[in-house]
Amino acid sequence: MKLIMSPTSPFVRKVRVMILETGLTDRVQEIEVSTTPLNTAPEVAAANPIGKIPALLRDEGPAIYDSRVITRYLDAQAGCGFYPDTRIWEVLTLEASADAIMEAAVAMTYEARLRPEAQQSPEIVEAQWQKAARAISAINARWMSHLAGPLDMSHIAVGCALAYVDFRHDARGWRNGNDALAAWFAGFDARDSMQATVPE
């Protein structure tokens, strides 16, 4: 299998951390590309007509995407139970919350990096941040008991989402008022899989 990826993408990092945690490293080759919404790499467009990463090229079928599809597929391949039936709706909801944080934070990044300064909208950036901030607060208020449980895909997704906010929007200070989540993240971020996937 081949993973079409860029190491700075939080959605890619989610997949890469999962690969390390499930021991699939020897079965997945990483193909690093440089791509943006304004200049889609041909490898990305060939694998995913939407033009987004990650995409996974499989030996036995067409490429699959997005990150949540890829992680479900790899979990089935590894048989590691990162989407346990006993708490599947909680895992999926928490993963969706983490992905929403990533989406908002990536949109903020693109607004600053891809649009000319005269066309940038502080109102849009702030609206995106409010989405991320509400999701972070909700995780801190409602989901800490789940994060304290056995490792599953939602833990990885939340960890990668928070790490991306640190990476691109550290000045926002997401830890303020979210002490329990900040303490959890400090421990999770120290995992070998997280340290091995820190973007340069």
N, C-alpha and C. Protein backbone atom coordinates (compact mmCIF):
# COMPACT_ATOMS: atom_id res chain seq x y z
N MET A 1 0.84 -1.19 0.00
CA MET A 1 0.00 0.00 0.00
C MET A 1 0.88 1.24 0.00
N LYS A 2 0.34 2.32 -0.58
CA LYS A 2 1.08 3.57 -0.65
C LYS A 2 0.20 4.71 -0.14
N LEU A 3 0.75 5.49 0.77
CA LEU A 3 0.03 6.61 1.34
C LEU A 3 0.50 7.91 0.68
N ILE A 4 -0.40 8.57 -0.05
CA ILE A 4 -0.10 9.87 -0.63
C ILE A 4 -0.25 10.89 0.47
N MET A 5 0.82 11.63 0.79
CA MET A 5 0.82 12.40 2.02
C MET A 5 1.72 13.62 1.97
N SER A 6 1.47 14.51 2.92
CA SER A 6 2.37 15.61 3.26
C SER A 6 2.45 15.64 4.78
N PRO A 7 3.64 15.69 5.35
CA PRO A 7 3.77 15.55 6.80
C PRO A 7 3.18 16.69 7.61
N THR A 8 2.89 17.83 7.00
CA THR A 8 2.32 18.93 7.77
C THR A 8 0.80 18.85 7.89
N SER A 9 0.16 17.99 7.12
CA SER A 9 -1.30 17.86 7.19
C SER A 9 -1.70 17.12 8.47
N PRO A 10 -2.63 17.67 9.26
CA PRO A 10 -3.07 16.95 10.47
C PRO A 10 -3.85 15.69 10.12
N PHE A 11 -4.53 15.68 8.98
CA PHE A 11 -5.27 14.49 8.57
C PHE A 11 -4.31 13.38 8.18
N VAL A 12 -3.23 13.73 7.52
CA VAL A 12 -2.18 12.77 7.22
C VAL A 12 -1.53 12.27 8.51
N ARG A 13 -1.25 13.17 9.42
CA ARG A 13 -0.60 12.76 10.66
C ARG A 13 -1.46 11.76 11.42
N LYS A 14 -2.76 11.96 11.40
CA LYS A 14 -3.66 11.03 12.06
C LYS A 14 -3.47 9.61 11.52
N VAL A 15 -3.36 9.49 10.21
CA VAL A 15 -3.16 8.19 9.59
C VAL A 15 -1.77 7.65 9.93
N ARG A 16 -0.76 8.49 9.89
CA ARG A 16 0.60 8.04 10.17
C ARG A 16 0.76 7.56 11.62
N VAL A 17 0.15 8.27 12.55
CA VAL A 17 0.20 7.84 13.95
C VAL A 17 -0.50 6.50 14.09
N MET A 18 -1.64 6.36 13.45
CA MET A 18 -2.37 5.10 13.53
C MET A 18 -1.55 3.95 12.95
N ILE A 19 -0.85 4.20 11.84
CA ILE A 19 -0.01 3.16 11.24
C ILE A 19 1.07 2.71 12.22
N LEU A 20 1.70 3.65 12.89
CA LEU A 20 2.72 3.31 13.88
C LEU A 20 2.12 2.55 15.05
N GLU A 21 0.97 2.98 15.53
CA GLU A 21 0.36 2.35 16.69
C GLU A 21 -0.14 0.93 16.39
N THR A 22 -0.46 0.65 15.13
CA THR A 22 -0.98 -0.66 14.77
C THR A 22 0.09 -1.58 14.19
N GLY A 23 1.32 -1.09 14.06
CA GLY A 23 2.40 -1.93 13.56
C GLY A 23 2.33 -2.21 12.07
N LEU A 24 1.72 -1.30 11.30
CA LEU A 24 1.59 -1.50 9.86
C LEU A 24 2.68 -0.80 9.05
N THR A 25 3.70 -0.31 9.71
CA THR A 25 4.72 0.49 9.04
C THR A 25 5.33 -0.21 7.83
N ASP A 26 5.61 -1.50 7.95
CA ASP A 26 6.25 -2.23 6.87
C ASP A 26 5.32 -2.48 5.68
N ARG A 27 4.03 -2.24 5.87
CA ARG A 27 3.06 -2.52 4.80
C ARG A 27 2.60 -1.27 4.06
N VAL A 28 3.00 -0.10 4.56
CA VAL A 28 2.55 1.15 3.95
C VAL A 28 3.76 2.01 3.58
N GLN A 29 3.90 2.30 2.30
CA GLN A 29 4.97 3.17 1.81
C GLN A 29 4.43 4.59 1.72
N GLU A 30 5.17 5.55 2.24
CA GLU A 30 4.76 6.95 2.19
C GLU A 30 5.28 7.61 0.91
N ILE A 31 4.37 8.27 0.20
CA ILE A 31 4.72 9.03 -1.00
C ILE A 31 4.45 10.50 -0.69
N GLU A 32 5.52 11.26 -0.41
CA GLU A 32 5.35 12.66 -0.01
C GLU A 32 5.16 13.54 -1.24
N VAL A 33 4.16 14.43 -1.17
CA VAL A 33 3.87 15.34 -2.26
C VAL A 33 3.75 16.76 -1.71
N SER A 34 3.90 17.72 -2.61
CA SER A 34 3.65 19.12 -2.29
C SER A 34 2.38 19.52 -3.02
N THR A 35 1.34 19.87 -2.27
CA THR A 35 0.05 20.15 -2.89
C THR A 35 -0.70 21.19 -2.07
N THR A 36 -1.52 21.99 -2.74
CA THR A 36 -2.38 22.97 -2.07
C THR A 36 -3.72 22.98 -2.79
N PRO A 37 -4.76 23.60 -2.19
CA PRO A 37 -6.04 23.70 -2.88
C PRO A 37 -5.95 24.49 -4.18
N LEU A 38 -4.93 25.35 -4.30
CA LEU A 38 -4.77 26.15 -5.51
C LEU A 38 -3.87 25.50 -6.54
N ASN A 39 -3.15 24.46 -6.14
CA ASN A 39 -2.21 23.80 -7.05
C ASN A 39 -2.12 22.33 -6.66
N THR A 40 -3.09 21.57 -7.10
CA THR A 40 -3.17 20.16 -6.71
C THR A 40 -2.11 19.34 -7.42
N ALA A 41 -1.34 18.59 -6.64
CA ALA A 41 -0.32 17.72 -7.23
C ALA A 41 -1.00 16.65 -8.08
N PRO A 42 -0.41 16.30 -9.22
CA PRO A 42 -1.04 15.30 -10.09
C PRO A 42 -1.23 13.95 -9.42
N GLU A 43 -0.31 13.57 -8.54
CA GLU A 43 -0.44 12.29 -7.83
C GLU A 43 -1.69 12.29 -6.94
N VAL A 44 -1.98 13.47 -6.37
CA VAL A 44 -3.15 13.58 -5.50
C VAL A 44 -4.42 13.52 -6.33
N ALA A 45 -4.47 14.28 -7.42
CA ALA A 45 -5.66 14.28 -8.27
C ALA A 45 -5.95 12.91 -8.86
N ALA A 46 -4.89 12.15 -9.16
CA ALA A 46 -5.08 10.81 -9.71
C ALA A 46 -5.67 9.86 -8.68
N ALA A 47 -5.30 10.06 -7.41
CA ALA A 47 -5.78 9.18 -6.35
C ALA A 47 -7.12 9.62 -5.79
N ASN A 48 -7.35 10.93 -5.71
CA ASN A 48 -8.56 11.48 -5.11
C ASN A 48 -9.04 12.64 -5.98
N PRO A 49 -10.14 12.49 -6.69
CA PRO A 49 -10.59 13.56 -7.59
C PRO A 49 -10.92 14.86 -6.86
N ILE A 50 -11.15 14.81 -5.56
CA ILE A 50 -11.39 16.01 -4.77
C ILE A 50 -10.09 16.80 -4.58
N GLY A 51 -8.95 16.11 -4.72
CA GLY A 51 -7.66 16.78 -4.62
C GLY A 51 -7.15 16.95 -3.21
N LYS A 52 -7.64 16.13 -2.27
CA LYS A 52 -7.21 16.26 -0.88
C LYS A 52 -6.35 15.07 -0.47
N ILE A 53 -5.50 15.31 0.52
CA ILE A 53 -4.72 14.25 1.13
C ILE A 53 -5.22 14.04 2.56
N PRO A 54 -5.00 12.81 3.06
CA PRO A 54 -4.30 11.66 2.48
C PRO A 54 -5.19 10.86 1.53
N ALA A 55 -4.52 10.06 0.72
CA ALA A 55 -5.18 9.04 -0.09
C ALA A 55 -4.33 7.78 0.01
N LEU A 56 -4.97 6.64 0.00
CA LEU A 56 -4.26 5.37 0.14
C LEU A 56 -4.44 4.55 -1.13
N LEU A 57 -3.31 4.24 -1.77
CA LEU A 57 -3.32 3.37 -2.94
C LEU A 57 -3.22 1.93 -2.47
N ARG A 58 -4.20 1.14 -2.85
CA ARG A 58 -4.23 -0.25 -2.43
C ARG A 58 -3.81 -1.16 -3.57
N ASP A 59 -3.32 -2.35 -3.20
CA ASP A 59 -2.91 -3.32 -4.21
C ASP A 59 -4.11 -4.01 -4.85
N GLU A 60 -5.21 -4.11 -4.08
CA GLU A 60 -6.32 -4.95 -4.53
C GLU A 60 -7.56 -4.17 -4.93
N GLY A 61 -7.45 -2.85 -5.04
CA GLY A 61 -8.63 -2.07 -5.39
C GLY A 61 -8.28 -0.62 -5.64
N PRO A 62 -9.30 0.20 -5.91
CA PRO A 62 -9.03 1.62 -6.18
C PRO A 62 -8.55 2.33 -4.93
N ALA A 63 -7.97 3.51 -5.14
CA ALA A 63 -7.51 4.32 -4.01
C ALA A 63 -8.70 4.70 -3.13
N ILE A 64 -8.43 4.85 -1.83
CA ILE A 64 -9.48 5.25 -0.90
C ILE A 64 -9.07 6.53 -0.18
N TYR A 65 -10.06 7.27 0.26
CA TYR A 65 -9.89 8.55 0.94
C TYR A 65 -11.21 8.82 1.61
N ASP A 66 -11.39 9.68 2.59
CA ASP A 66 -10.48 10.57 3.25
C ASP A 66 -9.83 9.88 4.45
N SER A 67 -9.34 10.65 5.42
CA SER A 67 -8.59 10.05 6.52
C SER A 67 -9.42 9.06 7.32
N ARG A 68 -10.72 9.36 7.55
CA ARG A 68 -11.55 8.46 8.35
C ARG A 68 -11.80 7.14 7.64
N VAL A 69 -11.90 7.17 6.32
CA VAL A 69 -12.04 5.93 5.56
C VAL A 69 -10.74 5.13 5.63
N ILE A 70 -9.63 5.83 5.47
CA ILE A 70 -8.33 5.15 5.49
C ILE A 70 -8.08 4.50 6.84
N THR A 71 -8.36 5.21 7.92
CA THR A 71 -8.08 4.63 9.24
C THR A 71 -8.99 3.45 9.53
N ARG A 72 -10.25 3.50 9.08
CA ARG A 72 -11.13 2.34 9.27
C ARG A 72 -10.59 1.15 8.47
N TYR A 73 -10.14 1.40 7.26
CA TYR A 73 -9.60 0.33 6.43
C TYR A 73 -8.35 -0.28 7.05
N LEU A 74 -7.42 0.58 7.49
CA LEU A 74 -6.18 0.07 8.07
C LEU A 74 -6.44 -0.66 9.38
N ASP A 75 -7.40 -0.19 10.15
CA ASP A 75 -7.75 -0.90 11.38
C ASP A 75 -8.28 -2.29 11.06
N ALA A 76 -9.07 -2.41 10.01
CA ALA A 76 -9.56 -3.72 9.61
C ALA A 76 -8.41 -4.61 9.15
N GLN A 77 -7.43 -4.03 8.47
CA GLN A 77 -6.27 -4.79 8.02
C GLN A 77 -5.43 -5.28 9.20
N ALA A 78 -5.27 -4.41 10.19
CA ALA A 78 -4.41 -4.75 11.32
C ALA A 78 -5.13 -5.58 12.38
N GLY A 79 -6.45 -5.46 12.43
CA GLY A 79 -7.22 -6.18 13.45
C GLY A 79 -6.93 -5.70 14.86
N CYS A 80 -6.71 -4.40 15.01
CA CYS A 80 -6.32 -3.85 16.32
C CYS A 80 -7.49 -3.31 17.13
N GLY A 81 -8.68 -3.24 16.55
CA GLY A 81 -9.84 -2.82 17.32
C GLY A 81 -9.83 -1.35 17.71
N PHE A 82 -9.30 -0.50 16.84
CA PHE A 82 -9.31 0.93 17.16
C PHE A 82 -10.68 1.57 16.95
N TYR A 83 -11.62 0.80 16.39
CA TYR A 83 -13.02 1.21 16.30
C TYR A 83 -13.87 0.14 16.98
N PRO A 84 -13.80 0.06 18.31
CA PRO A 84 -14.47 -1.04 19.02
C PRO A 84 -16.00 -0.93 18.95
N ASP A 85 -16.64 -2.05 18.70
CA ASP A 85 -18.10 -2.07 18.61
C ASP A 85 -18.78 -1.59 19.88
N THR A 86 -18.17 -1.86 21.02
CA THR A 86 -18.81 -1.54 22.30
C THR A 86 -18.95 -0.04 22.54
N ARG A 87 -18.15 0.77 21.86
CA ARG A 87 -18.26 2.22 22.03
C ARG A 87 -18.07 2.95 20.70
N ILE A 88 -18.58 2.31 19.63
CA ILE A 88 -18.31 2.82 18.29
C ILE A 88 -18.88 4.22 18.08
N TRP A 89 -20.07 4.52 18.61
CA TRP A 89 -20.66 5.83 18.35
C TRP A 89 -19.91 6.94 19.08
N GLU A 90 -19.40 6.62 20.24
CA GLU A 90 -18.58 7.59 20.97
C GLU A 90 -17.27 7.84 20.22
N VAL A 91 -16.65 6.77 19.75
CA VAL A 91 -15.38 6.92 19.01
C VAL A 91 -15.60 7.76 17.76
N LEU A 92 -16.64 7.46 17.01
CA LEU A 92 -16.88 8.18 15.76
C LEU A 92 -17.24 9.65 16.01
N THR A 93 -18.02 9.91 17.06
CA THR A 93 -18.39 11.29 17.36
C THR A 93 -17.18 12.10 17.80
N LEU A 94 -16.35 11.51 18.64
CA LEU A 94 -15.17 12.22 19.10
C LEU A 94 -14.17 12.41 17.96
N GLU A 95 -14.04 11.41 17.09
CA GLU A 95 -13.18 11.58 15.93
C GLU A 95 -13.70 12.68 15.01
N ALA A 96 -15.02 12.74 14.83
CA ALA A 96 -15.61 13.80 14.01
C ALA A 96 -15.35 15.18 14.62
N SER A 97 -15.40 15.27 15.94
CA SER A 97 -15.10 16.54 16.60
C SER A 97 -13.66 16.95 16.37
N ALA A 98 -12.76 15.98 16.47
CA ALA A 98 -11.34 16.27 16.22
C ALA A 98 -11.11 16.68 14.78
N ASP A 99 -11.75 15.99 13.85
CA ASP A 99 -11.60 16.36 12.44
C ASP A 99 -12.14 17.76 12.17
N ALA A 100 -13.22 18.14 12.87
CA ALA A 100 -13.76 19.49 12.70
C ALA A 100 -12.78 20.54 13.20
N ILE A 101 -12.07 20.24 14.28
CA ILE A 101 -11.02 21.15 14.76
C ILE A 101 -9.95 21.30 13.68
N MET A 102 -9.53 20.18 13.10
CA MET A 102 -8.53 20.22 12.04
C MET A 102 -9.02 21.04 10.86
N GLU A 103 -10.25 20.80 10.44
CA GLU A 103 -10.79 21.51 9.28
C GLU A 103 -10.80 23.02 9.51
N ALA A 104 -11.23 23.44 10.70
CA ALA A 104 -11.28 24.86 11.01
C ALA A 104 -9.87 25.46 11.06
N ALA A 105 -8.95 24.73 11.70
CA ALA A 105 -7.58 25.24 11.83
C ALA A 105 -6.88 25.29 10.48
N VAL A 106 -7.13 24.31 9.63
CA VAL A 106 -6.54 24.32 8.28
C VAL A 106 -7.12 25.48 7.47
N ALA A 107 -8.42 25.74 7.59
CA ALA A 107 -9.03 26.86 6.88
C ALA A 107 -8.41 28.18 7.31
N MET A 108 -8.12 28.32 8.60
CA MET A 108 -7.44 29.52 9.10
C MET A 108 -6.07 29.65 8.46
N THR A 109 -5.35 28.55 8.38
CA THR A 109 -4.02 28.55 7.79
C THR A 109 -4.07 28.95 6.32
N TYR A 110 -5.00 28.37 5.59
CA TYR A 110 -5.13 28.68 4.17
C TYR A 110 -5.50 30.14 3.94
N GLU A 111 -6.36 30.69 4.80
CA GLU A 111 -6.74 32.09 4.64
C GLU A 111 -5.51 32.99 4.70
N ALA A 112 -4.59 32.66 5.61
CA ALA A 112 -3.40 33.48 5.77
C ALA A 112 -2.34 33.21 4.71
N ARG A 113 -2.24 31.97 4.26
CA ARG A 113 -1.13 31.60 3.39
C ARG A 113 -1.46 31.63 1.90
N LEU A 114 -2.73 31.44 1.54
CA LEU A 114 -3.08 31.29 0.13
C LEU A 114 -3.82 32.47 -0.46
N ARG A 115 -4.38 33.33 0.38
CA ARG A 115 -5.10 34.49 -0.14
C ARG A 115 -4.23 35.74 -0.02
N PRO A 116 -4.26 36.63 -1.01
CA PRO A 116 -3.53 37.89 -0.88
C PRO A 116 -4.01 38.64 0.36
N GLU A 117 -3.09 39.35 0.99
CA GLU A 117 -3.41 40.01 2.25
C GLU A 117 -4.64 40.90 2.14
N ALA A 118 -4.79 41.60 1.03
CA ALA A 118 -5.92 42.52 0.87
C ALA A 118 -7.25 41.78 0.79
N GLN A 119 -7.22 40.49 0.48
CA GLN A 119 -8.44 39.71 0.34
C GLN A 119 -8.74 38.85 1.57
N GLN A 120 -7.84 38.86 2.52
CA GLN A 120 -8.05 38.04 3.72
C GLN A 120 -9.16 38.61 4.58
N SER A 121 -9.89 37.71 5.24
CA SER A 121 -11.02 38.12 6.06
C SER A 121 -10.78 37.75 7.52
N PRO A 122 -10.50 38.72 8.38
CA PRO A 122 -10.37 38.43 9.81
C PRO A 122 -11.64 37.82 10.39
N GLU A 123 -12.79 38.19 9.83
CA GLU A 123 -14.07 37.65 10.33
C GLU A 123 -14.17 36.15 10.05
N ILE A 124 -13.74 35.75 8.87
CA ILE A 124 -13.76 34.32 8.56
C ILE A 124 -12.80 33.56 9.45
N VAL A 125 -11.60 34.10 9.63
CA VAL A 125 -10.61 33.45 10.50
C VAL A 125 -11.17 33.30 11.91
N GLU A 126 -11.78 34.35 12.43
CA GLU A 126 -12.32 34.29 13.79
C GLU A 126 -13.48 33.30 13.88
N ALA A 127 -14.32 33.26 12.86
CA ALA A 127 -15.43 32.31 12.87
C ALA A 127 -14.92 30.87 12.87
N GLN A 128 -13.87 30.62 12.10
CA GLN A 128 -13.28 29.28 12.09
C GLN A 128 -12.68 28.94 13.46
N TRP A 129 -12.02 29.92 14.06
CA TRP A 129 -11.44 29.66 15.38
C TRP A 129 -12.53 29.35 16.41
N GLN A 130 -13.65 30.06 16.33
CA GLN A 130 -14.73 29.80 17.28
C GLN A 130 -15.25 28.37 17.16
N LYS A 131 -15.31 27.85 15.94
CA LYS A 131 -15.69 26.45 15.76
C LYS A 131 -14.71 25.53 16.48
N ALA A 132 -13.43 25.77 16.24
CA ALA A 132 -12.41 24.93 16.88
C ALA A 132 -12.45 25.07 18.39
N ALA A 133 -12.58 26.29 18.86
CA ALA A 133 -12.58 26.54 20.30
C ALA A 133 -13.77 25.87 20.98
N ARG A 134 -14.94 25.91 20.35
CA ARG A 134 -16.11 25.26 20.93
C ARG A 134 -15.92 23.75 21.00
N ALA A 135 -15.34 23.17 19.95
CA ALA A 135 -15.10 21.73 19.95
C ALA A 135 -14.09 21.34 21.02
N ILE A 136 -13.03 22.13 21.16
CA ILE A 136 -12.03 21.86 22.19
C ILE A 136 -12.66 21.92 23.57
N SER A 137 -13.46 22.94 23.83
CA SER A 137 -14.13 23.09 25.13
C SER A 137 -15.09 21.93 25.39
N ALA A 138 -15.79 21.49 24.34
CA ALA A 138 -16.72 20.38 24.51
C ALA A 138 -15.98 19.09 24.85
N ILE A 139 -14.86 18.86 24.22
CA ILE A 139 -14.07 17.67 24.54
C ILE A 139 -13.62 17.72 25.99
N ASN A 140 -13.14 18.89 26.41
CA ASN A 140 -12.69 19.06 27.79
C ASN A 140 -13.84 18.83 28.78
N ALA A 141 -15.03 19.27 28.43
CA ALA A 141 -16.17 19.19 29.35
C ALA A 141 -16.86 17.83 29.36
N ARG A 142 -16.86 17.14 28.21
CA ARG A 142 -17.72 15.96 28.07
C ARG A 142 -17.00 14.64 27.82
N TRP A 143 -15.74 14.70 27.37
CA TRP A 143 -15.13 13.50 26.83
C TRP A 143 -13.89 13.02 27.57
N MET A 144 -13.57 13.61 28.70
CA MET A 144 -12.33 13.22 29.37
C MET A 144 -12.38 11.78 29.88
N SER A 145 -13.54 11.31 30.28
CA SER A 145 -13.62 9.92 30.75
C SER A 145 -13.33 8.95 29.61
N HIS A 146 -13.76 9.30 28.40
CA HIS A 146 -13.46 8.45 27.25
C HIS A 146 -11.96 8.50 26.93
N LEU A 147 -11.39 9.68 26.95
CA LEU A 147 -9.96 9.79 26.66
C LEU A 147 -9.09 9.10 27.70
N ALA A 148 -9.65 8.90 28.89
CA ALA A 148 -8.92 8.18 29.94
C ALA A 148 -8.96 6.67 29.75
N GLY A 149 -9.77 6.21 28.80
CA GLY A 149 -9.92 4.77 28.58
C GLY A 149 -8.89 4.21 27.62
N PRO A 150 -9.12 2.97 27.17
CA PRO A 150 -8.17 2.30 26.27
C PRO A 150 -8.00 3.06 24.96
N LEU A 151 -6.81 3.00 24.41
CA LEU A 151 -6.48 3.73 23.18
C LEU A 151 -7.40 3.29 22.04
N ASP A 152 -7.98 4.27 21.37
CA ASP A 152 -8.74 4.00 20.16
C ASP A 152 -8.50 5.14 19.17
N MET A 153 -9.20 5.11 18.04
CA MET A 153 -8.93 6.08 16.99
C MET A 153 -9.27 7.50 17.41
N SER A 154 -10.23 7.66 18.30
CA SER A 154 -10.60 9.02 18.72
C SER A 154 -9.46 9.68 19.50
N HIS A 155 -8.72 8.91 20.28
CA HIS A 155 -7.58 9.48 20.99
C HIS A 155 -6.56 10.04 19.99
N ILE A 156 -6.27 9.26 18.96
CA ILE A 156 -5.30 9.69 17.95
C ILE A 156 -5.78 10.94 17.23
N ALA A 157 -7.06 10.97 16.88
CA ALA A 157 -7.60 12.12 16.17
C ALA A 157 -7.53 13.38 17.02
N VAL A 158 -7.93 13.28 18.28
CA VAL A 158 -7.88 14.44 19.18
C VAL A 158 -6.43 14.90 19.37
N GLY A 159 -5.54 13.96 19.58
CA GLY A 159 -4.13 14.32 19.77
C GLY A 159 -3.56 15.05 18.57
N CYS A 160 -3.87 14.57 17.36
CA CYS A 160 -3.35 15.20 16.15
C CYS A 160 -4.00 16.56 15.91
N ALA A 161 -5.28 16.70 16.27
CA ALA A 161 -5.95 17.99 16.11
C ALA A 161 -5.33 19.04 17.01
N LEU A 162 -5.12 18.70 18.25
CA LEU A 162 -4.54 19.66 19.20
C LEU A 162 -3.10 19.99 18.82
N ALA A 163 -2.37 18.99 18.35
CA ALA A 163 -0.99 19.23 17.93
C ALA A 163 -0.94 20.19 16.74
N TYR A 164 -1.92 20.08 15.84
CA TYR A 164 -1.94 20.99 14.69
C TYR A 164 -2.26 22.42 15.13
N VAL A 165 -3.16 22.57 16.09
CA VAL A 165 -3.44 23.92 16.61
C VAL A 165 -2.17 24.50 17.21
N ASP A 166 -1.42 23.69 17.95
CA ASP A 166 -0.13 24.16 18.47
C ASP A 166 0.81 24.55 17.34
N PHE A 167 0.85 23.75 16.29
CA PHE A 167 1.78 23.93 15.19
C PHE A 167 1.51 25.21 14.40
N ARG A 168 0.25 25.49 14.11
CA ARG A 168 -0.10 26.62 13.26
C ARG A 168 -0.71 27.81 13.99
N HIS A 169 -1.31 27.57 15.16
CA HIS A 169 -2.07 28.64 15.82
C HIS A 169 -1.80 28.67 17.32
N ASP A 170 -0.54 28.51 17.66
CA ASP A 170 -0.15 28.44 19.06
C ASP A 170 -0.60 29.67 19.86
N ALA A 171 -0.61 30.83 19.22
CA ALA A 171 -0.95 32.07 19.92
C ALA A 171 -2.40 32.07 20.41
N ARG A 172 -3.23 31.20 19.90
CA ARG A 172 -4.63 31.15 20.32
C ARG A 172 -4.79 30.62 21.74
N GLY A 173 -3.78 29.91 22.25
CA GLY A 173 -3.81 29.47 23.65
C GLY A 173 -4.98 28.56 23.99
N TRP A 174 -5.14 27.47 23.22
CA TRP A 174 -6.28 26.59 23.43
C TRP A 174 -6.33 25.96 24.82
N ARG A 175 -5.20 25.90 25.51
CA ARG A 175 -5.16 25.27 26.83
C ARG A 175 -5.89 26.09 27.90
N ASN A 176 -6.04 27.39 27.69
CA ASN A 176 -6.70 28.25 28.68
C ASN A 176 -8.14 27.79 28.91
N GLY A 177 -8.43 27.43 30.14
CA GLY A 177 -9.77 26.97 30.48
C GLY A 177 -10.04 25.52 30.15
N ASN A 178 -9.05 24.83 29.63
CA ASN A 178 -9.20 23.41 29.27
C ASN A 178 -8.11 22.58 29.95
N ASP A 179 -8.04 22.72 31.26
CA ASP A 179 -6.93 22.13 32.01
C ASP A 179 -6.87 20.61 31.89
N ALA A 180 -8.03 19.95 31.97
CA ALA A 180 -8.02 18.49 31.92
C ALA A 180 -7.53 17.99 30.57
N LEU A 181 -8.01 18.62 29.52
CA LEU A 181 -7.58 18.22 28.17
C LEU A 181 -6.11 18.54 27.95
N ALA A 182 -5.66 19.66 28.46
CA ALA A 182 -4.25 20.02 28.33
C ALA A 182 -3.36 18.99 29.01
N ALA A 183 -3.77 18.52 30.19
CA ALA A 183 -2.99 17.52 30.91
C ALA A 183 -2.99 16.20 30.15
N TRP A 184 -4.13 15.82 29.62
CA TRP A 184 -4.20 14.59 28.82
C TRP A 184 -3.29 14.69 27.60
N PHE A 185 -3.35 15.83 26.90
CA PHE A 185 -2.57 15.99 25.69
C PHE A 185 -1.07 15.93 25.97
N ALA A 186 -0.65 16.48 27.09
CA ALA A 186 0.78 16.44 27.43
C ALA A 186 1.27 15.00 27.48
N GLY A 187 0.47 14.12 28.04
CA GLY A 187 0.84 12.71 28.09
C GLY A 187 0.76 12.04 26.74
N PHE A 188 -0.30 12.32 26.01
CA PHE A 188 -0.48 11.68 24.70
C PHE A 188 0.58 12.13 23.71
N ASP A 189 0.92 13.40 23.74
CA ASP A 189 1.89 13.94 22.81
C ASP A 189 3.28 13.36 23.01
N ALA A 190 3.53 12.77 24.16
CA ALA A 190 4.83 12.16 24.44
C ALA A 190 4.95 10.75 23.88
N ARG A 191 3.86 10.20 23.34
CA ARG A 191 3.93 8.85 22.78
C ARG A 191 4.93 8.81 21.63
N ASP A 192 5.56 7.67 21.46
CA ASP A 192 6.55 7.50 20.39
C ASP A 192 5.97 7.82 19.02
N SER A 193 4.72 7.42 18.79
CA SER A 193 4.09 7.63 17.47
C SER A 193 3.90 9.11 17.19
N MET A 194 3.61 9.89 18.21
CA MET A 194 3.44 11.33 18.04
C MET A 194 4.80 12.00 17.82
N GLN A 195 5.78 11.60 18.57
CA GLN A 195 7.10 12.20 18.43
C GLN A 195 7.72 11.86 17.07
N ALA A 196 7.40 10.70 16.55
CA ALA A 196 7.96 10.29 15.26
C ALA A 196 7.32 11.00 14.08
N THR A 197 6.20 11.67 14.30
CA THR A 197 5.46 12.29 13.21
C THR A 197 5.36 13.81 13.36
N VAL A 198 6.18 14.39 14.21
CA VAL A 198 6.16 15.84 14.36
C VAL A 198 6.56 16.50 13.05
N PRO A 199 5.74 17.41 12.49
CA PRO A 199 6.13 18.06 11.24
C PRO A 199 7.30 19.01 11.46
N GLU A 200 8.18 19.08 10.48
CA GLU A 200 9.34 19.96 10.59
C GLU A 200 8.96 21.41 10.32
